[in-house]
């Protein structure tokens, strides 16, 4: 399965907001059900905390009801432009 790379702003993003951002969930309620239903893994472990903060390098995987990975994303932090003098 190919992973999509998704750039986010530092310092990170909550898991439920990330799922909405990438289109895996249409609403916060749908994201909550995916996470609390055990259908989301972060870095290879099932994650049931929808408020978990994702950081650069994290890998998020969406599972089907049988536990197979159907989508995967790698989180990258966006480069911050340096402040000019």
PDB file of N, CA and C in Angstrom:
ATOM      1  N   UNK A   1       0.839  -1.177   0.000  1.00  0.00           N
ATOM      2  CA  UNK A   1       0.000   0.000   0.000  1.00  0.00           C
ATOM      3  C   UNK A   1       0.884   1.241   0.000  1.00  0.00           C
ATOM      4  N   UNK A   2       0.617   2.151  -0.890  1.00  0.00           N
ATOM      5  CA  UNK A   2       1.361   3.404  -0.945  1.00  0.00           C
ATOM      6  C   UNK A   2       0.832   4.363   0.113  1.00  0.00           C
ATOM      7  N   UNK A   3       1.754   5.111   0.688  1.00  0.00           N
ATOM      8  CA  UNK A   3       1.391   6.129   1.669  1.00  0.00           C
ATOM      9  C   UNK A   3       1.388   7.487   1.002  1.00  0.00           C
ATOM     10  N   UNK A   4       0.414   8.277   1.340  1.00  0.00           N
ATOM     11  CA  UNK A   4       0.403   9.669   0.912  1.00  0.00           C
ATOM     12  C   UNK A   4       1.121  10.489   1.977  1.00  0.00           C
ATOM     13  N   UNK A   5       1.868  11.475   1.544  1.00  0.00           N
ATOM     14  CA  UNK A   5       2.516  12.381   2.488  1.00  0.00           C
ATOM     15  C   UNK A   5       1.643  13.617   2.639  1.00  0.00           C
ATOM     16  N   UNK A   6       1.384  13.978   3.886  1.00  0.00           N
ATOM     17  CA  UNK A   6       0.534  15.131   4.183  1.00  0.00           C
ATOM     18  C   UNK A   6       1.334  16.111   5.023  1.00  0.00           C
ATOM     19  N   UNK A   7       1.440  17.339   4.537  1.00  0.00           N
ATOM     20  CA  UNK A   7       2.177  18.376   5.263  1.00  0.00           C
ATOM     21  C   UNK A   7       1.228  19.128   6.188  1.00  0.00           C
ATOM     22  N   UNK A   8       1.650  19.297   7.438  1.00  0.00           N
ATOM     23  CA  UNK A   8       0.869  20.051   8.417  1.00  0.00           C
ATOM     24  C   UNK A   8       1.749  21.135   9.013  1.00  0.00           C
ATOM     25  N   UNK A   9       1.120  22.097   9.645  1.00  0.00           N
ATOM     26  CA  UNK A   9       1.868  23.171  10.296  1.00  0.00           C
ATOM     27  C   UNK A   9       2.310  22.717  11.680  1.00  0.00           C
ATOM     28  N   UNK A  10       3.491  23.145  12.092  1.00  0.00           N
ATOM     29  CA  UNK A  10       3.941  22.844  13.446  1.00  0.00           C
ATOM     30  C   UNK A  10       3.021  23.519  14.460  1.00  0.00           C
ATOM     31  N   UNK A  11       2.851  23.001  15.651  1.00  0.00           N
ATOM     32  CA  UNK A  11       3.596  21.867  16.169  1.00  0.00           C
ATOM     33  C   UNK A  11       2.960  20.517  15.848  1.00  0.00           C
ATOM     34  N   UNK A  12       1.699  20.482  15.417  1.00  0.00           N
ATOM     35  CA  UNK A  12       1.047  19.215  15.115  1.00  0.00           C
ATOM     36  C   UNK A  12      -0.441  19.435  14.907  1.00  0.00           C
ATOM     37  N   UNK A  13      -1.191  18.310  14.880  1.00  0.00           N
ATOM     38  CA  UNK A  13      -2.633  18.368  14.644  1.00  0.00           C
ATOM     39  C   UNK A  13      -3.275  17.206  15.401  1.00  0.00           C
ATOM     40  N   UNK A  14      -4.460  17.419  16.003  1.00  0.00           N
ATOM     41  CA  UNK A  14      -5.159  16.311  16.656  1.00  0.00           C
ATOM     42  C   UNK A  14      -5.582  15.259  15.618  1.00  0.00           C
ATOM     43  N   UNK A  15      -5.615  14.020  16.031  1.00  0.00           N
ATOM     44  CA  UNK A  15      -5.935  12.913  15.129  1.00  0.00           C
ATOM     45  C   UNK A  15      -7.289  13.101  14.462  1.00  0.00           C
ATOM     46  N   UNK A  16      -8.316  13.491  15.212  1.00  0.00           N
ATOM     47  CA  UNK A  16      -9.640  13.631  14.602  1.00  0.00           C
ATOM     48  C   UNK A  16      -9.655  14.742  13.548  1.00  0.00           C
ATOM     49  N   UNK A  17      -8.957  15.839  13.804  1.00  0.00           N
ATOM     50  CA  UNK A  17      -8.876  16.918  12.813  1.00  0.00           C
ATOM     51  C   UNK A  17      -8.105  16.460  11.573  1.00  0.00           C
ATOM     52  N   UNK A  18      -7.072  15.651  11.778  1.00  0.00           N
ATOM     53  CA  UNK A  18      -6.297  15.109  10.656  1.00  0.00           C
ATOM     54  C   UNK A  18      -7.184  14.242   9.767  1.00  0.00           C
ATOM     55  N   UNK A  19      -7.998  13.382  10.375  1.00  0.00           N
ATOM     56  CA  UNK A  19      -8.875  12.505   9.593  1.00  0.00           C
ATOM     57  C   UNK A  19      -9.854  13.311   8.746  1.00  0.00           C
ATOM     58  N   UNK A  20     -10.349  14.425   9.279  1.00  0.00           N
ATOM     59  CA  UNK A  20     -11.216  15.303   8.494  1.00  0.00           C
ATOM     60  C   UNK A  20     -10.410  15.993   7.395  1.00  0.00           C
ATOM     61  N   UNK A  21      -9.209  16.451   7.710  1.00  0.00           N
ATOM     62  CA  UNK A  21      -8.359  17.154   6.751  1.00  0.00           C
ATOM     63  C   UNK A  21      -8.045  16.301   5.526  1.00  0.00           C
ATOM     64  N   UNK A  22      -7.765  15.016   5.735  1.00  0.00           N
ATOM     65  CA  UNK A  22      -7.411  14.140   4.604  1.00  0.00           C
ATOM     66  C   UNK A  22      -8.625  13.517   3.926  1.00  0.00           C
ATOM     67  N   UNK A  23      -9.829  13.790   4.451  1.00  0.00           N
ATOM     68  CA  UNK A  23     -11.043  13.278   3.824  1.00  0.00           C
ATOM     69  C   UNK A  23     -11.450  11.885   4.255  1.00  0.00           C
ATOM     70  N   UNK A  24     -10.812  11.336   5.283  1.00  0.00           N
ATOM     71  CA  UNK A  24     -11.185  10.008   5.770  1.00  0.00           C
ATOM     72  C   UNK A  24     -12.490  10.064   6.555  1.00  0.00           C
ATOM     73  N   UNK A  25     -12.825  11.245   7.078  1.00  0.00           N
ATOM     74  CA  UNK A  25     -14.066  11.464   7.810  1.00  0.00           C
ATOM     75  C   UNK A  25     -14.659  12.791   7.357  1.00  0.00           C
ATOM     76  N   UNK A  26     -15.972  12.805   7.186  1.00  0.00           N
ATOM     77  CA  UNK A  26     -16.635  14.032   6.744  1.00  0.00           C
ATOM     78  C   UNK A  26     -16.921  14.976   7.907  1.00  0.00           C
ATOM     79  N   UNK A  27     -17.095  14.409   9.099  1.00  0.00           N
ATOM     80  CA  UNK A  27     -17.446  15.209  10.271  1.00  0.00           C
ATOM     81  C   UNK A  27     -16.616  14.776  11.467  1.00  0.00           C
ATOM     82  N   UNK A  28     -16.635  15.603  12.504  1.00  0.00           N
ATOM     83  CA  UNK A  28     -15.958  15.223  13.738  1.00  0.00           C
ATOM     84  C   UNK A  28     -16.572  13.982  14.359  1.00  0.00           C
ATOM     85  N   UNK A  29     -17.880  13.839  14.246  1.00  0.00           N
ATOM     86  CA  UNK A  29     -18.550  12.648  14.772  1.00  0.00           C
ATOM     87  C   UNK A  29     -18.112  11.383  14.062  1.00  0.00           C
ATOM     88  N   UNK A  30     -17.948  11.476  12.750  1.00  0.00           N
ATOM     89  CA  UNK A  30     -17.477  10.314  11.986  1.00  0.00           C
ATOM     90  C   UNK A  30     -16.044   9.973  12.370  1.00  0.00           C
ATOM     91  N   UNK A  31     -15.207  10.992  12.541  1.00  0.00           N
ATOM     92  CA  UNK A  31     -13.821  10.760  12.970  1.00  0.00           C
ATOM     93  C   UNK A  31     -13.798  10.093  14.340  1.00  0.00           C
ATOM     94  N   UNK A  32     -14.654  10.548  15.242  1.00  0.00           N
ATOM     95  CA  UNK A  32     -14.740   9.964  16.590  1.00  0.00           C
ATOM     96  C   UNK A  32     -15.081   8.473  16.506  1.00  0.00           C
ATOM     97  N   UNK A  33     -16.047   8.118  15.671  1.00  0.00           N
ATOM     98  CA  UNK A  33     -16.437   6.709  15.538  1.00  0.00           C
ATOM     99  C   UNK A  33     -15.321   5.859  14.940  1.00  0.00           C
ATOM    100  N   UNK A  34     -14.603   6.398  13.967  1.00  0.00           N
ATOM    101  CA  UNK A  34     -13.483   5.656  13.388  1.00  0.00           C
ATOM    102  C   UNK A  34     -12.413   5.373  14.445  1.00  0.00           C
ATOM    103  N   UNK A  35     -12.053   6.410  15.197  1.00  0.00           N
ATOM    104  CA  UNK A  35     -10.985   6.271  16.190  1.00  0.00           C
ATOM    105  C   UNK A  35     -11.434   5.374  17.334  1.00  0.00           C
ATOM    106  N   UNK A  36     -12.574   5.674  17.931  1.00  0.00           N
ATOM    107  CA  UNK A  36     -13.025   4.900  19.087  1.00  0.00           C
ATOM    108  C   UNK A  36     -13.461   3.489  18.711  1.00  0.00           C
ATOM    109  N   UNK A  37     -13.729   3.269  17.429  1.00  0.00           N
ATOM    110  CA  UNK A  37     -14.075   1.931  16.948  1.00  0.00           C
ATOM    111  C   UNK A  37     -12.861   1.084  16.608  1.00  0.00           C
ATOM    112  N   UNK A  38     -11.654   1.609  16.853  1.00  0.00           N
ATOM    113  CA  UNK A  38     -10.443   0.841  16.607  1.00  0.00           C
ATOM    114  C   UNK A  38     -10.042   0.733  15.153  1.00  0.00           C
ATOM    115  N   UNK A  39     -10.509   1.669  14.323  1.00  0.00           N
ATOM    116  CA  UNK A  39     -10.230   1.597  12.887  1.00  0.00           C
ATOM    117  C   UNK A  39      -9.055   2.457  12.456  1.00  0.00           C
ATOM    118  N   UNK A  40      -8.308   3.015  13.431  1.00  0.00           N
ATOM    119  CA  UNK A  40      -7.184   3.888  13.110  1.00  0.00           C
ATOM    120  C   UNK A  40      -5.942   3.430  13.870  1.00  0.00           C
ATOM    121  N   UNK A  41      -4.828   3.363  13.160  1.00  0.00           N
ATOM    122  CA  UNK A  41      -3.532   3.059  13.768  1.00  0.00           C
ATOM    123  C   UNK A  41      -2.615   4.259  13.575  1.00  0.00           C
ATOM    124  N   UNK A  42      -1.795   4.508  14.590  1.00  0.00           N
ATOM    125  CA  UNK A  42      -0.751   5.520  14.487  1.00  0.00           C
ATOM    126  C   UNK A  42       0.564   4.829  14.802  1.00  0.00           C
ATOM    127  N   UNK A  43       1.479   4.869  13.871  1.00  0.00           N
ATOM    128  CA  UNK A  43       2.783   4.226  14.019  1.00  0.00           C
ATOM    129  C   UNK A  43       2.661   2.741  14.365  1.00  0.00           C
ATOM    130  N   UNK A  44       1.679   2.078  13.741  1.00  0.00           N
ATOM    131  CA  UNK A  44       1.522   0.634  13.892  1.00  0.00           C
ATOM    132  C   UNK A  44       0.723   0.165  15.077  1.00  0.00           C
ATOM    133  N   UNK A  45       0.226   1.087  15.915  1.00  0.00           N
ATOM    134  CA  UNK A  45      -0.577   0.710  17.089  1.00  0.00           C
ATOM    135  C   UNK A  45      -1.959   1.340  16.991  1.00  0.00           C
ATOM    136  N   UNK A  46      -2.972   0.574  17.363  1.00  0.00           N
ATOM    137  CA  UNK A  46      -4.328   1.134  17.341  1.00  0.00           C
ATOM    138  C   UNK A  46      -4.402   2.295  18.316  1.00  0.00           C
ATOM    139  N   UNK A  47      -5.058   3.331  17.880  1.00  0.00           N
ATOM    140  CA  UNK A  47      -5.162   4.557  18.678  1.00  0.00           C
ATOM    141  C   UNK A  47      -6.634   4.860  18.923  1.00  0.00           C
ATOM    142  N   UNK A  48      -7.011   5.002  20.192  1.00  0.00           N
ATOM    143  CA  UNK A  48      -8.415   5.287  20.517  1.00  0.00           C
ATOM    144  C   UNK A  48      -8.597   6.696  21.086  1.00  0.00           C
ATOM    145  N   UNK A  49      -7.519   7.469  21.147  1.00  0.00           N
ATOM    146  CA  UNK A  49      -7.612   8.854  21.630  1.00  0.00           C
ATOM    147  C   UNK A  49      -7.713   9.778  20.419  1.00  0.00           C
ATOM    148  N   UNK A  50      -8.879  10.335  20.207  1.00  0.00           N
ATOM    149  CA  UNK A  50      -9.045  11.196  19.030  1.00  0.00           C
ATOM    150  C   UNK A  50      -8.302  12.510  19.171  1.00  0.00           C
ATOM    151  N   UNK A  51      -7.929  12.873  20.395  1.00  0.00           N
ATOM    152  CA  UNK A  51      -7.195  14.121  20.610  1.00  0.00           C
ATOM    153  C   UNK A  51      -5.681  13.932  20.519  1.00  0.00           C
ATOM    154  N   UNK A  52      -5.221  12.716  20.202  1.00  0.00           N
ATOM    155  CA  UNK A  52      -3.784  12.461  20.119  1.00  0.00           C
ATOM    156  C   UNK A  52      -3.153  13.423  19.118  1.00  0.00           C
ATOM    157  N   UNK A  53      -2.095  14.080  19.534  1.00  0.00           N
ATOM    158  CA  UNK A  53      -1.412  15.041  18.676  1.00  0.00           C
ATOM    159  C   UNK A  53      -0.464  14.320  17.720  1.00  0.00           C
ATOM    160  N   UNK A  54      -0.663  14.541  16.442  1.00  0.00           N
ATOM    161  CA  UNK A  54       0.226  13.970  15.436  1.00  0.00           C
ATOM    162  C   UNK A  54       1.376  14.924  15.200  1.00  0.00           C
ATOM    163  N   UNK A  55       2.545  14.361  15.012  1.00  0.00           N
ATOM    164  CA  UNK A  55       3.764  15.139  14.781  1.00  0.00           C
ATOM    165  C   UNK A  55       4.411  14.659  13.478  1.00  0.00           C
ATOM    166  N   UNK A  56       5.388  15.390  13.013  1.00  0.00           N
ATOM    167  CA  UNK A  56       6.113  14.990  11.820  1.00  0.00           C
ATOM    168  C   UNK A  56       6.712  13.606  11.983  1.00  0.00           C
ATOM    169  N   UNK A  57       6.581  12.787  10.956  1.00  0.00           N
ATOM    170  CA  UNK A  57       7.102  11.424  10.983  1.00  0.00           C
ATOM    171  C   UNK A  57       6.089  10.371  11.397  1.00  0.00           C
ATOM    172  N   UNK A  58       4.950  10.791  11.971  1.00  0.00           N
ATOM    173  CA  UNK A  58       3.912   9.824  12.341  1.00  0.00           C
ATOM    174  C   UNK A  58       3.291   9.227  11.083  1.00  0.00           C
ATOM    175  N   UNK A  59       2.887   7.966  11.180  1.00  0.00           N
ATOM    176  CA  UNK A  59       2.187   7.289  10.095  1.00  0.00           C
ATOM    177  C   UNK A  59       0.797   6.919  10.599  1.00  0.00           C
ATOM    178  N   UNK A  60      -0.223   7.366   9.881  1.00  0.00           N
ATOM    179  CA  UNK A  60      -1.620   7.108  10.240  1.00  0.00           C
ATOM    180  C   UNK A  60      -2.180   6.129   9.224  1.00  0.00           C
ATOM    181  N   UNK A  61      -2.837   5.075   9.727  1.00  0.00           N
ATOM    182  CA  UNK A  61      -3.426   4.064   8.846  1.00  0.00           C
ATOM    183  C   UNK A  61      -4.903   3.887   9.192  1.00  0.00           C
ATOM    184  N   UNK A  62      -5.727   3.835   8.152  1.00  0.00           N
ATOM    185  CA  UNK A  62      -7.154   3.589   8.291  1.00  0.00           C
ATOM    186  C   UNK A  62      -7.402   2.124   7.969  1.00  0.00           C
ATOM    187  N   UNK A  63      -8.122   1.442   8.859  1.00  0.00           N
ATOM    188  CA  UNK A  63      -8.363   0.009   8.713  1.00  0.00           C
ATOM    189  C   UNK A  63      -9.805  -0.254   8.298  1.00  0.00           C
ATOM    190  N   UNK A  64     -10.021  -1.357   7.570  1.00  0.00           N
ATOM    191  CA  UNK A  64     -11.393  -1.775   7.306  1.00  0.00           C
ATOM    192  C   UNK A  64     -11.897  -2.576   8.508  1.00  0.00           C
ATOM    193  N   UNK A  65     -13.102  -3.091   8.438  1.00  0.00           N
ATOM    194  CA  UNK A  65     -13.679  -3.779   9.595  1.00  0.00           C
ATOM    195  C   UNK A  65     -12.977  -5.095   9.918  1.00  0.00           C
ATOM    196  N   UNK A  66     -12.245  -5.650   8.969  1.00  0.00           N
ATOM    197  CA  UNK A  66     -11.489  -6.875   9.219  1.00  0.00           C
ATOM    198  C   UNK A  66     -10.077  -6.582   9.730  1.00  0.00           C
ATOM    199  N   UNK A  67      -9.700  -5.312   9.773  1.00  0.00           N
ATOM    200  CA  UNK A  67      -8.386  -4.936  10.277  1.00  0.00           C
ATOM    201  C   UNK A  67      -7.318  -4.752   9.217  1.00  0.00           C
ATOM    202  N   UNK A  68      -7.701  -4.818   7.949  1.00  0.00           N
ATOM    203  CA  UNK A  68      -6.743  -4.610   6.862  1.00  0.00           C
ATOM    204  C   UNK A  68      -6.590  -3.108   6.609  1.00  0.00           C
ATOM    205  N   UNK A  69      -5.378  -2.697   6.282  1.00  0.00           N
ATOM    206  CA  UNK A  69      -5.105  -1.288   6.001  1.00  0.00           C
ATOM    207  C   UNK A  69      -5.695  -0.919   4.644  1.00  0.00           C
ATOM    208  N   UNK A  70      -6.523   0.126   4.628  1.00  0.00           N
ATOM    209  CA  UNK A  70      -7.116   0.565   3.362  1.00  0.00           C
ATOM    210  C   UNK A  70      -6.527   1.888   2.878  1.00  0.00           C
ATOM    211  N   UNK A  71      -6.019   2.722   3.790  1.00  0.00           N
ATOM    212  CA  UNK A  71      -5.360   3.977   3.427  1.00  0.00           C
ATOM    213  C   UNK A  71      -4.275   4.262   4.446  1.00  0.00           C
ATOM    214  N   UNK A  72      -3.234   4.959   3.991  1.00  0.00           N
ATOM    215  CA  UNK A  72      -2.137   5.313   4.896  1.00  0.00           C
ATOM    216  C   UNK A  72      -1.593   6.685   4.525  1.00  0.00           C
ATOM    217  N   UNK A  73      -1.203   7.429   5.557  1.00  0.00           N
ATOM    218  CA  UNK A  73      -0.642   8.767   5.371  1.00  0.00           C
ATOM    219  C   UNK A  73       0.588   8.924   6.254  1.00  0.00           C
ATOM    220  N   UNK A  74       1.583   9.609   5.738  1.00  0.00           N
ATOM    221  CA  UNK A  74       2.743   9.985   6.540  1.00  0.00           C
ATOM    222  C   UNK A  74       2.665  11.483   6.793  1.00  0.00           C
ATOM    223  N   UNK A  75       2.790  11.862   8.054  1.00  0.00           N
ATOM    224  CA  UNK A  75       2.682  13.261   8.449  1.00  0.00           C
ATOM    225  C   UNK A  75       4.056  13.917   8.339  1.00  0.00           C
ATOM    226  N   UNK A  76       4.108  15.048   7.670  1.00  0.00           N
ATOM    227  CA  UNK A  76       5.331  15.850   7.549  1.00  0.00           C
ATOM    228  C   UNK A  76       5.017  17.256   8.032  1.00  0.00           C
ATOM    229  N   UNK A  77       5.973  17.876   8.682  1.00  0.00           N
ATOM    230  CA  UNK A  77       5.808  19.265   9.083  1.00  0.00           C
ATOM    231  C   UNK A  77       6.201  20.182   7.943  1.00  0.00           C
ATOM    232  N   UNK A  78       5.394  21.227   7.736  1.00  0.00           N
ATOM    233  CA  UNK A  78       5.711  22.222   6.712  1.00  0.00           C
ATOM    234  C   UNK A  78       6.903  23.040   7.194  1.00  0.00           C
ATOM    235  N   UNK A  79       7.728  23.405   6.250  1.00  0.00           N
ATOM    236  CA  UNK A  79       8.855  24.294   6.565  1.00  0.00           C
ATOM    237  C   UNK A  79       8.295  25.672   6.893  1.00  0.00           C
ATOM    238  N   UNK A  80       8.798  26.260   7.943  1.00  0.00           N
ATOM    239  CA  UNK A  80       8.398  27.625   8.293  1.00  0.00           C
ATOM    240  C   UNK A  80       9.349  28.605   7.624  1.00  0.00           C
ATOM    241  N   UNK A  81       8.807  29.611   6.948  1.00  0.00           N
ATOM    242  CA  UNK A  81       9.699  30.599   6.336  1.00  0.00           C
ATOM    243  C   UNK A  81      10.455  31.355   7.427  1.00  0.00           C
ATOM    244  N   UNK A  82      11.719  31.604   7.181  1.00  0.00           N
ATOM    245  CA  UNK A  82      12.512  32.335   8.175  1.00  0.00           C
ATOM    246  C   UNK A  82      12.106  33.803   8.174  1.00  0.00           C
ATOM    247  N   UNK A  83      12.141  34.387   9.347  1.00  0.00           N
ATOM    248  CA  UNK A  83      11.739  35.789   9.479  1.00  0.00           C
ATOM    249  C   UNK A  83      12.827  36.681   8.875  1.00  0.00           C
ATOM    250  N   UNK A  84      12.391  37.604   8.056  1.00  0.00           N
ATOM    251  CA  UNK A  84      13.331  38.539   7.443  1.00  0.00           C
ATOM    252  C   UNK A  84      13.711  39.637   8.420  1.00  0.00           C
ATOM    253  N   UNK A  85      14.862  40.233   8.208  1.00  0.00           N
ATOM    254  CA  UNK A  85      15.304  41.319   9.101  1.00  0.00           C
ATOM    255  C   UNK A  85      14.955  42.661   8.537  1.00  0.00           C
TER     256      UNK A  85
END
